[in-house]
């Protein structure tokens, strides 16, 4: 199961527009970016943008879904391990690090963190739902090979996502006396012990 409707490396017209949005967000942040700015950067008319996205909120949601989905695919593809639990822990730890280091994510956290708040306290976004679906399938694989403890995949998957939220969003508040690499090691340990039979 993949997290994105595109495979890694495939490009569409929509990707070109999302690339332009990404460039604008990196240049000036979300609040100062308009659909007109994105259209100008992409070399298309404003109507082309408005046909696809009625406002910046929907464009930004699609941009985040694409960015986070690609990161999750990369983390999943690079995960190693002898069994499902090891691959899952490796992929989740690597994915958390990739997300924290992603330029779009960093820019949003620096300039427009309120954009992330609804996804942390009010509702799940598309990226979170897709990640949850992949987690449920992977946990089922771990049950089948005996590397993941018994338990409802719906509960285990949600526990994993909640843990990742803290290690992605709040890690900067905890690196005053330890490094993010130290905390990534702790995340790996937490995830492995949480999932171990």
Protein backbone atom coordinates (compact mmCIF):
# COMPACT_ATOMS: atom_id res chain seq x y z
CA UNK A 1 0.00 0.00 0.00
CA UNK A 2 1.36 3.44 -0.85
CA UNK A 3 0.83 6.75 0.85
CA UNK A 4 0.58 8.80 -2.32
CA UNK A 5 -1.32 8.30 -5.53
CA UNK A 6 1.91 9.03 -7.41
CA UNK A 7 4.88 6.74 -7.40
CA UNK A 8 8.22 8.23 -6.52
CA UNK A 9 9.65 10.06 -9.50
CA UNK A 10 6.40 10.42 -11.47
CA UNK A 11 5.44 14.00 -12.32
CA UNK A 12 2.12 15.55 -13.30
CA UNK A 13 0.89 19.03 -14.25
CA UNK A 14 -0.45 19.29 -10.72
CA UNK A 15 3.02 18.56 -9.36
CA UNK A 16 4.40 21.52 -11.32
CA UNK A 17 1.82 23.78 -9.67
CA UNK A 18 2.53 22.29 -6.26
CA UNK A 19 6.26 22.84 -6.90
CA UNK A 20 5.51 26.51 -7.52
CA UNK A 21 3.49 26.65 -4.29
CA UNK A 22 6.38 24.99 -2.47
CA UNK A 23 8.81 27.59 -3.81
CA UNK A 24 6.51 30.42 -2.69
CA UNK A 25 6.08 28.96 0.79
CA UNK A 26 9.84 28.55 1.14
CA UNK A 27 10.41 32.11 -0.04
CA UNK A 28 7.86 34.02 2.05
CA UNK A 29 5.84 31.58 4.17
CA UNK A 30 2.19 30.58 3.94
CA UNK A 31 0.52 33.77 5.14
CA UNK A 32 2.26 35.91 2.54
CA UNK A 33 1.67 33.51 -0.36
CA UNK A 34 -1.38 33.94 -2.60
CA UNK A 35 -2.80 31.86 -5.43
CA UNK A 36 -1.77 34.72 -7.73
CA UNK A 37 1.84 34.40 -6.53
CA UNK A 38 1.79 30.68 -7.19
CA UNK A 39 0.26 31.16 -10.65
CA UNK A 40 2.91 33.74 -11.51
CA UNK A 41 5.73 31.47 -10.34
CA UNK A 42 4.26 28.50 -12.25
CA UNK A 43 3.75 30.59 -15.40
CA UNK A 44 0.01 29.88 -15.59
CA UNK A 45 -3.10 32.02 -15.35
CA UNK A 46 -4.85 32.68 -12.05
CA UNK A 47 -7.89 30.86 -13.44
CA UNK A 48 -5.79 27.71 -13.90
CA UNK A 49 -5.03 27.84 -10.19
CA UNK A 50 -8.62 28.64 -9.17
CA UNK A 51 -9.96 25.73 -11.25
CA UNK A 52 -7.88 23.33 -9.17
CA UNK A 53 -7.88 25.06 -5.78
CA UNK A 54 -10.55 27.52 -4.63
CA UNK A 55 -8.24 29.02 -1.99
CA UNK A 56 -4.81 28.81 -0.42
CA UNK A 57 -6.03 26.52 2.37
CA UNK A 58 -6.89 23.72 -0.07
CA UNK A 59 -3.67 24.27 -2.03
CA UNK A 60 -1.60 24.12 1.15
CA UNK A 61 -3.43 20.97 2.27
CA UNK A 62 -2.57 19.31 -1.06
CA UNK A 63 1.02 20.51 -0.83
CA UNK A 64 1.41 19.09 2.68
CA UNK A 65 -0.22 15.81 1.62
CA UNK A 66 2.21 15.48 -1.27
CA UNK A 67 5.29 16.47 0.75
CA UNK A 68 4.54 14.26 3.75
CA UNK A 69 3.40 11.36 1.53
CA UNK A 70 6.66 11.41 -0.42
CA UNK A 71 8.65 11.47 2.82
CA UNK A 72 6.68 8.50 4.15
CA UNK A 73 7.30 6.55 0.93
CA UNK A 74 11.01 7.27 1.12
CA UNK A 75 11.16 6.21 4.76
CA UNK A 76 9.19 3.06 4.02
CA UNK A 77 11.43 2.20 1.05
CA UNK A 78 14.64 2.68 3.05
CA UNK A 79 13.51 0.76 6.16
CA UNK A 80 15.57 -2.28 7.01
CA UNK A 81 15.19 -5.14 9.44
CA UNK A 82 14.88 -8.88 9.83
CA UNK A 83 11.15 -8.81 10.45
CA UNK A 84 8.16 -6.49 10.18
CA UNK A 85 8.59 -4.83 13.58
CA UNK A 86 12.20 -3.86 12.88
CA UNK A 87 11.28 -2.47 9.46
CA UNK A 88 8.32 -0.59 10.95
CA UNK A 89 10.39 0.94 13.74
CA UNK A 90 13.17 1.86 11.31
CA UNK A 91 10.72 3.42 8.86
CA UNK A 92 8.86 5.41 11.53
CA UNK A 93 12.05 6.71 13.14
CA UNK A 94 13.52 7.65 9.76
CA UNK A 95 10.22 9.18 8.66
CA UNK A 96 10.03 11.36 11.78
CA UNK A 97 13.56 12.62 11.14
CA UNK A 98 12.85 13.26 7.43
CA UNK A 99 9.69 15.20 8.26
CA UNK A 100 11.46 17.36 10.85
CA UNK A 101 14.20 18.11 8.30
CA UNK A 102 11.82 18.81 5.41
CA UNK A 103 12.21 22.45 4.28
CA UNK A 104 8.45 23.00 3.86
CA UNK A 105 7.70 21.55 7.29
CA UNK A 106 10.46 23.63 8.88
CA UNK A 107 9.21 26.80 7.19
CA UNK A 108 5.65 26.17 8.36
CA UNK A 109 6.83 25.54 11.92
CA UNK A 110 9.00 28.69 11.84
CA UNK A 111 6.51 31.11 10.28
CA UNK A 112 3.00 29.62 10.31
CA UNK A 113 2.74 26.94 13.02
CA UNK A 114 -0.97 27.60 13.51
CA UNK A 115 -1.57 25.79 10.20
CA UNK A 116 -0.58 22.52 11.90
CA UNK A 117 -2.73 23.00 15.00
CA UNK A 118 -6.03 21.61 13.59
CA UNK A 119 -4.22 18.38 12.66
CA UNK A 120 -2.97 18.00 16.22
CA UNK A 121 -6.03 18.87 18.27
CA UNK A 122 -9.13 18.82 16.09
CA UNK A 123 -9.00 16.34 13.21
CA UNK A 124 -6.77 14.08 11.20
CA UNK A 125 -5.60 15.20 7.79
CA UNK A 126 -5.29 13.16 4.61
CA UNK A 127 -1.62 12.41 5.28
CA UNK A 128 -2.41 11.14 8.76
CA UNK A 129 -5.23 8.95 7.45
CA UNK A 130 -2.98 7.49 4.77
CA UNK A 131 -0.22 6.84 7.26
CA UNK A 132 -2.71 5.20 9.62
CA UNK A 133 -3.91 2.91 6.81
CA UNK A 134 -0.33 1.85 6.08
CA UNK A 135 0.34 1.32 9.78
CA UNK A 136 -2.74 -0.92 10.13
CA UNK A 137 -1.63 -3.07 7.20
CA UNK A 138 1.96 -3.26 8.50
CA UNK A 139 0.83 -4.12 12.02
CA UNK A 140 -1.25 -6.95 10.54
CA UNK A 141 1.88 -8.20 8.78
CA UNK A 142 3.71 -8.02 12.10
CA UNK A 143 0.97 -10.06 13.73
CA UNK A 144 1.30 -12.65 10.97
CA UNK A 145 5.08 -13.02 11.37
CA UNK A 146 4.87 -12.81 15.18
CA UNK A 147 7.10 -9.74 15.49
CA UNK A 148 4.34 -7.38 16.70
CA UNK A 149 2.46 -8.00 19.94
CA UNK A 150 -1.20 -8.95 19.83
CA UNK A 151 -3.63 -6.08 19.96
CA UNK A 152 -6.13 -4.29 17.81
CA UNK A 153 -4.24 -2.70 14.88
CA UNK A 154 -6.55 0.33 15.13
CA UNK A 155 -5.37 0.95 18.70
CA UNK A 156 -1.69 0.20 18.09
CA UNK A 157 -1.59 2.38 14.97
CA UNK A 158 -3.16 5.34 16.72
CA UNK A 159 -0.75 4.95 19.63
CA UNK A 160 2.14 5.05 17.17
CA UNK A 161 0.85 8.20 15.45
CA UNK A 162 0.34 10.00 18.75
CA UNK A 163 3.90 9.14 19.79
CA UNK A 164 5.27 10.39 16.49
CA UNK A 165 3.44 13.71 16.84
CA UNK A 166 5.50 14.57 19.91
CA UNK A 167 8.81 13.50 18.41
CA UNK A 168 8.14 15.49 15.24
CA UNK A 169 6.38 18.64 16.45
CA UNK A 170 7.82 19.15 19.94
CA UNK A 171 11.36 17.82 19.66
CA UNK A 172 12.81 21.33 19.50
CA UNK A 173 11.58 22.00 23.01
CA UNK A 174 13.65 19.10 24.35
CA UNK A 175 17.03 19.56 22.65
CA UNK A 176 18.51 21.98 25.18
CA UNK A 177 20.67 19.30 26.85
CA UNK A 178 20.40 16.40 24.39
CA UNK A 179 20.49 16.17 20.59
CA UNK A 180 17.72 15.23 18.22
CA UNK A 181 19.80 12.15 17.33
CA UNK A 182 19.72 11.14 21.02
CA UNK A 183 15.95 11.55 21.03
CA UNK A 184 15.64 9.57 17.78
CA UNK A 185 17.40 6.70 19.57
CA UNK A 186 14.87 6.98 22.37
CA UNK A 187 12.03 7.03 19.83
CA UNK A 188 13.38 3.84 18.27
CA UNK A 189 13.50 2.20 21.70
CA UNK A 190 10.00 3.39 22.61
CA UNK A 191 8.49 2.13 19.36
CA UNK A 192 10.28 -1.20 19.50
CA UNK A 193 9.25 -1.90 23.10
CA UNK A 194 5.67 -0.74 22.42
CA UNK A 195 5.34 -3.18 19.55
CA UNK A 196 7.39 -6.10 20.88
CA UNK A 197 5.49 -9.29 21.78
